[in-house]
Amino acid sequence: MNSTLSQKIAIGIVYGMLCTPLLSFAQTAEKTALPAGVAAIVNGKKIPESQIQEAARLTGLPDSPQLRGAVKAQLIARELFRQQAEKNKSLENRPEVKKAMQDAKEAAVIQTYLRDAIKPTPVTEVMVREQFNAIVASLGPNEYKARLIQVADDTAAQKVLEQLKSGADFAQLAAQVSSANNKTKGGELEWVSFKLPAQEGKTQNLPLPVAQAISQLVPGGLTQTPVVWNNERYVIKLDQLRPTQIPQYDDVKGALRQTMERQALERATMTLVGDLTKSAKIEQ
């Protein structure tokens, strides 16, 4: 079973889309001796146990007989639907079916090409360790947990400051007026640490003026004037301050490796796109 089908079945389980009749069917279906590795046979079509296992895994739920039974019920129902649909040959000639088949073919061809063509640099244990050490070396004595509201001009920023000084809730106001991507989180930023004084390119991806403002606040403190960066205005509040907590290497190396592998894949992909663009004639 391909991953897309597994994911669809998994989503169906997680969101309760599996209806009671299917579960009842799974419980009352004829019990027979099946070949090893086969979960069910529907009109001669085998459904392997591996399909059940993969779909159950993708739900993210604890493995259990009930979960596997629900997954199997969906697979059996799907196979019944597929067999009935195949009997109606006219379905294959419908425009929407032809388009879906063509889209699926193109997607499969592209994915196969990309797997062959994109060769990211392997991430070694030495590279992961070096990256960990570099991150640790970049940290300062404290970690900051802050929020910000981003607006377009001084007038809007001054209005935000006045509302906050009058008792408005920072998170609610951020959700209402901020233009930053984190507005849905009430303007909340992740914990961040950097050496002081803050220097350009060494502020954990924060704009330098924002990092400088954060480092000068006390918990609960608010910037008294808007911070200006890249033609935008920022009002910042520091929620928490704590000594920098450095995790153990073994606790984070897995996640760090995944991040580095993703970055290597992105770089390799951009290289391929650049090479193809140079040799192509593109008219826009």
C-alpha atoms as a PDB file:
ATOM      1  CA  MET A   1       0.000   0.000   0.000  1.00  0.00           C
ATOM      2  CA  ASN A   2       1.382   3.385  -0.933  1.00  0.00           C
ATOM      3  CA  SER A   3       1.984   6.023   1.725  1.00  0.00           C
ATOM      4  CA  THR A   4      -0.824   8.271   0.480  1.00  0.00           C
ATOM      5  CA  LEU A   5      -3.405   5.547   0.970  1.00  0.00           C
ATOM      6  CA  SER A   6      -1.945   4.673   4.368  1.00  0.00           C
ATOM      7  CA  GLN A   7      -2.171   8.334   5.412  1.00  0.00           C
ATOM      8  CA  LYS A   8      -5.784   8.623   4.254  1.00  0.00           C
ATOM      9  CA  ILE A   9      -6.753   5.561   6.241  1.00  0.00           C
ATOM     10  CA  ALA A  10      -4.807   6.827   9.253  1.00  0.00           C
ATOM     11  CA  ILE A  11      -6.543  10.201   9.070  1.00  0.00           C
ATOM     12  CA  GLY A  12      -9.889   8.465   8.870  1.00  0.00           C
ATOM     13  CA  ILE A  13      -9.162   6.586  12.075  1.00  0.00           C
ATOM     14  CA  VAL A  14      -7.827   9.598  13.968  1.00  0.00           C
ATOM     15  CA  TYR A  15     -10.763  11.862  13.139  1.00  0.00           C
ATOM     16  CA  GLY A  16     -13.444   9.278  13.798  1.00  0.00           C
ATOM     17  CA  MET A  17     -14.518   8.893  10.175  1.00  0.00           C
ATOM     18  CA  LEU A  18     -14.717   5.139  10.550  1.00  0.00           C
ATOM     19  CA  CYS A  19     -18.397   4.420  11.063  1.00  0.00           C
ATOM     20  CA  THR A  20     -19.897   1.814  13.379  1.00  0.00           C
ATOM     21  CA  PRO A  21     -21.228  -0.428  10.552  1.00  0.00           C
ATOM     22  CA  LEU A  22     -17.675  -1.009   9.312  1.00  0.00           C
ATOM     23  CA  LEU A  23     -16.511  -2.057  12.765  1.00  0.00           C
ATOM     24  CA  SER A  24     -19.509  -4.331  13.136  1.00  0.00           C
ATOM     25  CA  PHE A  25     -18.730  -5.833   9.745  1.00  0.00           C
ATOM     26  CA  ALA A  26     -15.147  -6.558  10.779  1.00  0.00           C
ATOM     27  CA  GLN A  27     -16.365  -8.294  13.903  1.00  0.00           C
ATOM     28  CA  THR A  28     -18.995 -10.427  12.161  1.00  0.00           C
ATOM     29  CA  ALA A  29     -17.098 -11.288   8.949  1.00  0.00           C
ATOM     30  CA  GLU A  30     -16.511 -14.965   8.260  1.00  0.00           C
ATOM     31  CA  LYS A  31     -13.474 -16.296  10.124  1.00  0.00           C
ATOM     32  CA  THR A  32     -11.272 -18.561   8.019  1.00  0.00           C
ATOM     33  CA  ALA A  33      -7.697 -19.792   8.036  1.00  0.00           C
ATOM     34  CA  LEU A  34      -5.665 -17.302   6.023  1.00  0.00           C
ATOM     35  CA  PRO A  35      -2.187 -17.581   4.506  1.00  0.00           C
ATOM     36  CA  ALA A  36       0.667 -16.211   6.598  1.00  0.00           C
ATOM     37  CA  GLY A  37       0.926 -12.426   6.387  1.00  0.00           C
ATOM     38  CA  VAL A  38      -2.603 -11.980   5.025  1.00  0.00           C
ATOM     39  CA  ALA A  39      -5.157 -10.018   7.065  1.00  0.00           C
ATOM     40  CA  ALA A  40      -8.211 -10.590   4.871  1.00  0.00           C
ATOM     41  CA  ILE A  41      -9.265 -11.806   1.427  1.00  0.00           C
ATOM     42  CA  VAL A  42     -12.044  -9.894  -0.332  1.00  0.00           C
ATOM     43  CA  ASN A  43     -13.480 -11.792  -3.303  1.00  0.00           C
ATOM     44  CA  GLY A  44     -10.074 -13.336  -3.901  1.00  0.00           C
ATOM     45  CA  LYS A  45      -8.085 -10.117  -3.365  1.00  0.00           C
ATOM     46  CA  LYS A  46      -5.570 -10.383  -0.519  1.00  0.00           C
ATOM     47  CA  ILE A  47      -5.044  -7.574   1.994  1.00  0.00           C
ATOM     48  CA  PRO A  48      -1.594  -8.027   3.593  1.00  0.00           C
ATOM     49  CA  GLU A  49      -0.994  -7.571   7.309  1.00  0.00           C
ATOM     50  CA  SER A  50       1.708  -5.039   6.347  1.00  0.00           C
ATOM     51  CA  GLN A  51      -1.028  -2.670   5.159  1.00  0.00           C
ATOM     52  CA  ILE A  52      -2.741  -2.869   8.531  1.00  0.00           C
ATOM     53  CA  GLN A  53       0.528  -2.246  10.366  1.00  0.00           C
ATOM     54  CA  GLU A  54       1.517   0.756   8.240  1.00  0.00           C
ATOM     55  CA  ALA A  55      -1.868   2.464   8.461  1.00  0.00           C
ATOM     56  CA  ALA A  56      -2.068   1.836  12.203  1.00  0.00           C
ATOM     57  CA  ARG A  57       1.407   3.301  12.663  1.00  0.00           C
ATOM     58  CA  LEU A  58       0.492   6.457  10.762  1.00  0.00           C
ATOM     59  CA  THR A  59      -2.423   7.192  13.089  1.00  0.00           C
ATOM     60  CA  GLY A  60       0.055   7.953  15.858  1.00  0.00           C
ATOM     61  CA  LEU A  61      -2.208   6.085  18.265  1.00  0.00           C
ATOM     62  CA  PRO A  62      -1.062   3.275  20.590  1.00  0.00           C
ATOM     63  CA  ASP A  63      -1.175  -0.067  18.845  1.00  0.00           C
ATOM     64  CA  SER A  64      -4.096  -2.236  19.944  1.00  0.00           C
ATOM     65  CA  PRO A  65      -6.391  -4.966  18.581  1.00  0.00           C
ATOM     66  CA  GLN A  66      -9.181  -2.385  18.386  1.00  0.00           C
ATOM     67  CA  LEU A  67      -7.104  -0.022  16.260  1.00  0.00           C
ATOM     68  CA  ARG A  68      -5.993  -2.761  13.904  1.00  0.00           C
ATOM     69  CA  GLY A  69      -9.563  -3.997  13.611  1.00  0.00           C
ATOM     70  CA  ALA A  70     -10.732  -0.505  12.665  1.00  0.00           C
ATOM     71  CA  VAL A  71      -7.969  -0.159  10.074  1.00  0.00           C
ATOM     72  CA  LYS A  72      -8.768  -3.554   8.596  1.00  0.00           C
ATOM     73  CA  ALA A  73     -12.450  -2.653   8.341  1.00  0.00           C
ATOM     74  CA  GLN A  74     -11.580   0.426   6.307  1.00  0.00           C
ATOM     75  CA  LEU A  75      -9.310  -1.544   4.015  1.00  0.00           C
ATOM     76  CA  ILE A  76     -11.974  -4.169   3.436  1.00  0.00           C
ATOM     77  CA  ALA A  77     -14.566  -1.487   2.686  1.00  0.00           C
ATOM     78  CA  ARG A  78     -12.190   0.244   0.312  1.00  0.00           C
ATOM     79  CA  GLU A  79     -11.517  -2.973  -1.548  1.00  0.00           C
ATOM     80  CA  LEU A  80     -15.251  -3.620  -1.908  1.00  0.00           C
ATOM     81  CA  PHE A  81     -15.708  -0.102  -3.287  1.00  0.00           C
ATOM     82  CA  ARG A  82     -12.805  -0.587  -5.699  1.00  0.00           C
ATOM     83  CA  GLN A  83     -14.148  -3.860  -7.027  1.00  0.00           C
ATOM     84  CA  GLN A  84     -17.613  -2.420  -7.601  1.00  0.00           C
ATOM     85  CA  ALA A  85     -16.171   0.657  -9.291  1.00  0.00           C
ATOM     86  CA  GLU A  86     -14.101  -1.490 -11.647  1.00  0.00           C
ATOM     87  CA  LYS A  87     -17.240  -3.230 -12.857  1.00  0.00           C
ATOM     88  CA  ASN A  88     -18.502   0.096 -14.189  1.00  0.00           C
ATOM     89  CA  LYS A  89     -16.135   0.571 -17.129  1.00  0.00           C
ATOM     90  CA  SER A  90     -17.703   3.911 -18.049  1.00  0.00           C
ATOM     91  CA  LEU A  91     -16.160   5.482 -14.938  1.00  0.00           C
ATOM     92  CA  GLU A  92     -12.686   5.334 -16.497  1.00  0.00           C
ATOM     93  CA  ASN A  93     -13.820   7.571 -19.347  1.00  0.00           C
ATOM     94  CA  ARG A  94     -15.113  10.370 -17.169  1.00  0.00           C
ATOM     95  CA  PRO A  95     -13.034  13.580 -17.498  1.00  0.00           C
ATOM     96  CA  GLU A  96     -12.450  13.882 -13.762  1.00  0.00           C
ATOM     97  CA  VAL A  97     -11.164  10.293 -13.574  1.00  0.00           C
ATOM     98  CA  LYS A  98      -8.849  10.762 -16.557  1.00  0.00           C
ATOM     99  CA  LYS A  99      -7.468  13.971 -15.054  1.00  0.00           C
ATOM    100  CA  ALA A 100      -6.907  12.315 -11.673  1.00  0.00           C
ATOM    101  CA  MET A 101      -5.086   9.423 -13.365  1.00  0.00           C
ATOM    102  CA  GLN A 102      -2.898  11.806 -15.356  1.00  0.00           C
ATOM    103  CA  ASP A 103      -2.123  13.894 -12.263  1.00  0.00           C
ATOM    104  CA  ALA A 104      -1.201  10.766 -10.308  1.00  0.00           C
ATOM    105  CA  LYS A 105       1.057   9.556 -13.125  1.00  0.00           C
ATOM    106  CA  GLU A 106       2.846  12.898 -13.389  1.00  0.00           C
ATOM    107  CA  ALA A 107       3.313  13.077  -9.616  1.00  0.00           C
ATOM    108  CA  ALA A 108       4.777   9.561  -9.506  1.00  0.00           C
ATOM    109  CA  VAL A 109       7.150  10.285 -12.401  1.00  0.00           C
ATOM    110  CA  ILE A 110       8.321  13.559 -10.838  1.00  0.00           C
ATOM    111  CA  GLN A 111       8.856  11.967  -7.421  1.00  0.00           C
ATOM    112  CA  THR A 112      10.854   9.136  -8.969  1.00  0.00           C
ATOM    113  CA  TYR A 113      12.985  11.590 -10.955  1.00  0.00           C
ATOM    114  CA  LEU A 114      13.681  13.698  -7.879  1.00  0.00           C
ATOM    115  CA  ARG A 115      14.721  10.671  -5.845  1.00  0.00           C
ATOM    116  CA  ASP A 116      17.239   9.817  -8.550  1.00  0.00           C
ATOM    117  CA  ALA A 117      18.419  13.355  -9.327  1.00  0.00           C
ATOM    118  CA  ILE A 118      18.705  14.994  -5.909  1.00  0.00           C
ATOM    119  CA  LYS A 119      21.791  13.842  -4.048  1.00  0.00           C
ATOM    120  CA  PRO A 120      22.081  15.702  -0.731  1.00  0.00           C
ATOM    121  CA  THR A 121      25.395  15.615   1.093  1.00  0.00           C
ATOM    122  CA  PRO A 122      25.263  12.852   3.741  1.00  0.00           C
ATOM    123  CA  VAL A 123      25.129  14.113   7.322  1.00  0.00           C
ATOM    124  CA  THR A 124      27.695  12.334   9.474  1.00  0.00           C
ATOM    125  CA  GLU A 125      27.919  11.966  13.248  1.00  0.00           C
ATOM    126  CA  VAL A 126      30.972  14.241  13.202  1.00  0.00           C
ATOM    127  CA  MET A 127      28.982  16.943  11.421  1.00  0.00           C
ATOM    128  CA  VAL A 128      26.126  16.670  13.929  1.00  0.00           C
ATOM    129  CA  ARG A 129      28.533  16.943  16.864  1.00  0.00           C
ATOM    130  CA  GLU A 130      30.250  19.979  15.308  1.00  0.00           C
ATOM    131  CA  GLN A 131      26.911  21.696  14.752  1.00  0.00           C
ATOM    132  CA  PHE A 132      25.887  21.004  18.350  1.00  0.00           C
ATOM    133  CA  ASN A 133      29.148  22.457  19.635  1.00  0.00           C
ATOM    134  CA  ALA A 134      28.728  25.534  17.435  1.00  0.00           C
ATOM    135  CA  ILE A 135      25.219  26.129  18.752  1.00  0.00           C
ATOM    136  CA  VAL A 136      26.335  25.768  22.362  1.00  0.00           C
ATOM    137  CA  ALA A 137      29.231  28.157  21.757  1.00  0.00           C
ATOM    138  CA  SER A 138      26.819  30.775  20.409  1.00  0.00           C
ATOM    139  CA  LEU A 139      24.643  30.821  23.523  1.00  0.00           C
ATOM    140  CA  GLY A 140      24.750  33.520  26.163  1.00  0.00           C
ATOM    141  CA  PRO A 141      24.245  33.238  29.920  1.00  0.00           C
ATOM    142  CA  ASN A 142      20.459  33.748  29.754  1.00  0.00           C
ATOM    143  CA  GLU A 143      17.483  32.594  27.743  1.00  0.00           C
ATOM    144  CA  TYR A 144      14.645  34.952  26.850  1.00  0.00           C
ATOM    145  CA  LYS A 145      10.968  34.199  26.240  1.00  0.00           C
ATOM    146  CA  ALA A 146       9.398  37.192  24.532  1.00  0.00           C
ATOM    147  CA  ARG A 147       6.417  38.308  22.502  1.00  0.00           C
ATOM    148  CA  LEU A 148       6.201  40.908  19.780  1.00  0.00           C
ATOM    149  CA  ILE A 149       3.654  42.827  17.778  1.00  0.00           C
ATOM    150  CA  GLN A 150       4.680  43.882  14.282  1.00  0.00           C
ATOM    151  CA  VAL A 151       2.982  46.843  12.587  1.00  0.00           C
ATOM    152  CA  ALA A 152       3.692  48.973   9.543  1.00  0.00           C
ATOM    153  CA  ASP A 153       4.316  52.485  10.889  1.00  0.00           C
ATOM    154  CA  ASP A 154       4.862  54.730  13.898  1.00  0.00           C
ATOM    155  CA  THR A 155       1.186  55.675  14.170  1.00  0.00           C
ATOM    156  CA  ALA A 156       0.070  52.056  14.457  1.00  0.00           C
ATOM    157  CA  ALA A 157       2.895  51.265  16.883  1.00  0.00           C
ATOM    158  CA  GLN A 158       2.013  54.199  19.118  1.00  0.00           C
ATOM    159  CA  LYS A 159      -1.612  53.092  19.195  1.00  0.00           C
ATOM    160  CA  VAL A 160      -0.506  49.597  20.247  1.00  0.00           C
ATOM    161  CA  LEU A 161       1.639  51.020  23.053  1.00  0.00           C
ATOM    162  CA  GLU A 162      -1.227  53.170  24.308  1.00  0.00           C
ATOM    163  CA  GLN A 163      -3.587  50.194  24.372  1.00  0.00           C
ATOM    164  CA  LEU A 164      -1.060  48.070  26.252  1.00  0.00           C
ATOM    165  CA  LYS A 165      -0.388  50.804  28.805  1.00  0.00           C
ATOM    166  CA  SER A 166      -4.151  51.045  29.308  1.00  0.00           C
ATOM    167  CA  GLY A 167      -4.285  47.375  30.269  1.00  0.00           C
ATOM    168  CA  ALA A 168      -4.884  45.557  26.974  1.00  0.00           C
ATOM    169  CA  ASP A 169      -3.771  41.924  26.894  1.00  0.00           C
ATOM    170  CA  PHE A 170      -0.605  41.606  24.799  1.00  0.00           C
ATOM    171  CA  ALA A 171      -1.447  38.194  23.314  1.00  0.00           C
ATOM    172  CA  GLN A 172      -4.973  39.213  22.335  1.00  0.00           C
ATOM    173  CA  LEU A 173      -3.775  42.474  20.816  1.00  0.00           C
ATOM    174  CA  ALA A 174      -1.068  40.639  18.859  1.00  0.00           C
ATOM    175  CA  ALA A 175      -3.676  38.274  17.423  1.00  0.00           C
ATOM    176  CA  GLN A 176      -5.767  41.254  16.362  1.00  0.00           C
ATOM    177  CA  VAL A 177      -3.279  43.706  14.868  1.00  0.00           C
ATOM    178  CA  SER A 178       0.150  42.114  14.368  1.00  0.00           C
ATOM    179  CA  SER A 179       1.338  41.392  10.824  1.00  0.00           C
ATOM    180  CA  ALA A 180       3.918  38.830  12.016  1.00  0.00           C
ATOM    181  CA  ASN A 181       3.476  35.142  11.252  1.00  0.00           C
ATOM    182  CA  ASN A 182       3.256  34.303  14.956  1.00  0.00           C
ATOM    183  CA  LYS A 183       0.180  36.462  15.550  1.00  0.00           C
ATOM    184  CA  THR A 184      -1.969  33.346  15.990  1.00  0.00           C
ATOM    185  CA  LYS A 185       0.277  32.433  18.944  1.00  0.00           C
ATOM    186  CA  GLY A 186      -0.245  35.809  20.565  1.00  0.00           C
ATOM    187  CA  GLY A 187       3.076  37.077  19.209  1.00  0.00           C
ATOM    188  CA  GLU A 188       4.972  34.425  21.180  1.00  0.00           C
ATOM    189  CA  LEU A 189       8.601  33.716  20.265  1.00  0.00           C
ATOM    190  CA  GLU A 190      10.574  30.575  21.072  1.00  0.00           C
ATOM    191  CA  TRP A 191      13.125  30.585  23.886  1.00  0.00           C
ATOM    192  CA  VAL A 192      16.264  32.246  22.562  1.00  0.00           C
ATOM    193  CA  SER A 193      19.797  32.801  23.873  1.00  0.00           C
ATOM    194  CA  PHE A 194      22.694  34.802  22.452  1.00  0.00           C
ATOM    195  CA  LYS A 195      25.937  36.308  23.651  1.00  0.00           C
ATOM    196  CA  LEU A 196      25.930  39.881  24.917  1.00  0.00           C
ATOM    197  CA  PRO A 197      26.240  42.441  23.584  1.00  0.00           C
ATOM    198  CA  ALA A 198      24.131  41.127  20.719  1.00  0.00           C
ATOM    199  CA  GLN A 199      25.932  41.110  17.383  1.00  0.00           C
ATOM    200  CA  GLU A 200      24.669  40.938  13.812  1.00  0.00           C
ATOM    201  CA  GLY A 201      24.302  37.339  12.626  1.00  0.00           C
ATOM    202  CA  LYS A 202      24.678  35.941  16.155  1.00  0.00           C
ATOM    203  CA  THR A 203      21.192  36.408  17.574  1.00  0.00           C
ATOM    204  CA  GLN A 204      19.570  33.037  16.791  1.00  0.00           C
ATOM    205  CA  ASN A 205      17.879  34.445  13.647  1.00  0.00           C
ATOM    206  CA  LEU A 206      16.330  37.415  15.443  1.00  0.00           C
ATOM    207  CA  PRO A 207      16.783  40.831  13.839  1.00  0.00           C
ATOM    208  CA  LEU A 208      19.591  42.591  15.716  1.00  0.00           C
ATOM    209  CA  PRO A 209      17.463  45.532  16.962  1.00  0.00           C
ATOM    210  CA  VAL A 210      14.835  43.092  18.250  1.00  0.00           C
ATOM    211  CA  ALA A 211      17.461  41.004  20.072  1.00  0.00           C
ATOM    212  CA  GLN A 212      19.032  44.137  21.560  1.00  0.00           C
ATOM    213  CA  ALA A 213      15.649  45.316  22.829  1.00  0.00           C
ATOM    214  CA  ILE A 214      14.805  41.914  24.346  1.00  0.00           C
ATOM    215  CA  SER A 215      18.129  41.729  26.191  1.00  0.00           C
ATOM    216  CA  GLN A 216      17.468  45.090  27.859  1.00  0.00           C
ATOM    217  CA  LEU A 217      14.036  44.179  29.259  1.00  0.00           C
ATOM    218  CA  VAL A 218      13.163  42.652  32.613  1.00  0.00           C
ATOM    219  CA  PRO A 219      10.427  39.988  32.891  1.00  0.00           C
ATOM    220  CA  GLY A 220       7.088  41.683  32.336  1.00  0.00           C
ATOM    221  CA  GLY A 221       8.816  44.671  30.771  1.00  0.00           C
ATOM    222  CA  LEU A 222       7.628  46.375  27.600  1.00  0.00           C
ATOM    223  CA  THR A 223       9.569  48.443  25.067  1.00  0.00           C
ATOM    224  CA  GLN A 224       8.660  52.082  25.659  1.00  0.00           C
ATOM    225  CA  THR A 225       9.277  53.098  22.049  1.00  0.00           C
ATOM    226  CA  PRO A 226       8.806  51.037  18.864  1.00  0.00           C
ATOM    227  CA  VAL A 227      11.787  49.044  17.615  1.00  0.00           C
ATOM    228  CA  VAL A 228      12.487  49.834  13.967  1.00  0.00           C
ATOM    229  CA  TRP A 229      13.774  47.190  11.556  1.00  0.00           C
ATOM    230  CA  ASN A 230      13.315  46.650   7.821  1.00  0.00           C
ATOM    231  CA  ASN A 231      10.723  49.442   7.578  1.00  0.00           C
ATOM    232  CA  GLU A 232       8.546  47.719  10.194  1.00  0.00           C
ATOM    233  CA  ARG A 233       7.801  48.652  13.795  1.00  0.00           C
ATOM    234  CA  TYR A 234       7.939  46.206  16.710  1.00  0.00           C
ATOM    235  CA  VAL A 235       6.495  46.409  20.194  1.00  0.00           C
ATOM    236  CA  ILE A 236       8.129  43.794  22.418  1.00  0.00           C
ATOM    237  CA  LYS A 237       7.358  42.282  25.803  1.00  0.00           C
ATOM    238  CA  LEU A 238       9.629  39.969  27.791  1.00  0.00           C
ATOM    239  CA  ASP A 239       7.615  37.201  29.450  1.00  0.00           C
ATOM    240  CA  GLN A 240      10.358  35.156  31.109  1.00  0.00           C
ATOM    241  CA  LEU A 241      14.097  35.131  31.752  1.00  0.00           C
ATOM    242  CA  ARG A 242      16.124  32.138  32.934  1.00  0.00           C
ATOM    243  CA  PRO A 243      19.704  30.848  32.947  1.00  0.00           C
ATOM    244  CA  THR A 244      20.529  29.142  29.666  1.00  0.00           C
ATOM    245  CA  GLN A 245      19.682  25.447  29.748  1.00  0.00           C
ATOM    246  CA  ILE A 246      22.003  23.358  27.582  1.00  0.00           C
ATOM    247  CA  PRO A 247      20.571  19.937  26.711  1.00  0.00           C
ATOM    248  CA  GLN A 248      22.602  16.753  26.633  1.00  0.00           C
ATOM    249  CA  TYR A 249      23.973  15.934  23.195  1.00  0.00           C
ATOM    250  CA  ASP A 250      22.369  12.482  23.145  1.00  0.00           C
ATOM    251  CA  ASP A 251      18.959  14.012  23.854  1.00  0.00           C
ATOM    252  CA  VAL A 252      19.005  16.318  20.835  1.00  0.00           C
ATOM    253  CA  LYS A 253      21.275  14.689  18.269  1.00  0.00           C
ATOM    254  CA  GLY A 254      18.397  12.926  16.550  1.00  0.00           C
ATOM    255  CA  ALA A 255      16.387  16.095  16.006  1.00  0.00           C
ATOM    256  CA  LEU A 256      19.519  18.015  15.066  1.00  0.00           C
ATOM    257  CA  ARG A 257      20.454  15.403  12.466  1.00  0.00           C
ATOM    258  CA  GLN A 258      16.952  15.591  10.969  1.00  0.00           C
ATOM    259  CA  THR A 259      17.232  19.371  10.693  1.00  0.00           C
ATOM    260  CA  MET A 260      20.642  19.120   9.043  1.00  0.00           C
ATOM    261  CA  GLU A 261      19.421  16.450   6.629  1.00  0.00           C
ATOM    262  CA  ARG A 262      16.444  18.598   5.694  1.00  0.00           C
ATOM    263  CA  GLN A 263      18.741  21.554   5.086  1.00  0.00           C
ATOM    264  CA  ALA A 264      21.058  19.391   2.972  1.00  0.00           C
ATOM    265  CA  LEU A 265      18.054  18.243   0.937  1.00  0.00           C
ATOM    266  CA  GLU A 266      16.914  21.837   0.445  1.00  0.00           C
ATOM    267  CA  ARG A 267      20.384  22.892  -0.728  1.00  0.00           C
ATOM    268  CA  ALA A 268      20.604  19.973  -3.158  1.00  0.00           C
ATOM    269  CA  THR A 269      17.134  20.767  -4.474  1.00  0.00           C
ATOM    270  CA  MET A 270      18.000  24.418  -5.033  1.00  0.00           C
ATOM    271  CA  THR A 271      21.171  23.402  -6.840  1.00  0.00           C
ATOM    272  CA  LEU A 272      19.163  21.158  -9.168  1.00  0.00           C
ATOM    273  CA  VAL A 273      16.594  23.885  -9.795  1.00  0.00           C
ATOM    274  CA  GLY A 274      19.392  26.342 -10.592  1.00  0.00           C
ATOM    275  CA  ASP A 275      21.077  23.952 -13.012  1.00  0.00           C
ATOM    276  CA  LEU A 276      17.810  23.173 -14.806  1.00  0.00           C
ATOM    277  CA  THR A 277      16.894  26.863 -14.980  1.00  0.00           C
ATOM    278  CA  LYS A 278      20.227  27.749 -16.606  1.00  0.00           C
ATOM    279  CA  SER A 279      19.706  25.216 -19.393  1.00  0.00           C
ATOM    280  CA  ALA A 280      16.019  25.954 -19.939  1.00  0.00           C
ATOM    281  CA  LYS A 281      14.195  28.541 -22.018  1.00  0.00           C
ATOM    282  CA  ILE A 282      11.614  30.066 -19.693  1.00  0.00           C
ATOM    283  CA  GLU A 283       9.169  32.711 -20.863  1.00  0.00           C
ATOM    284  CA  GLN A 284       7.006  34.570 -18.364  1.00  0.00           C
END
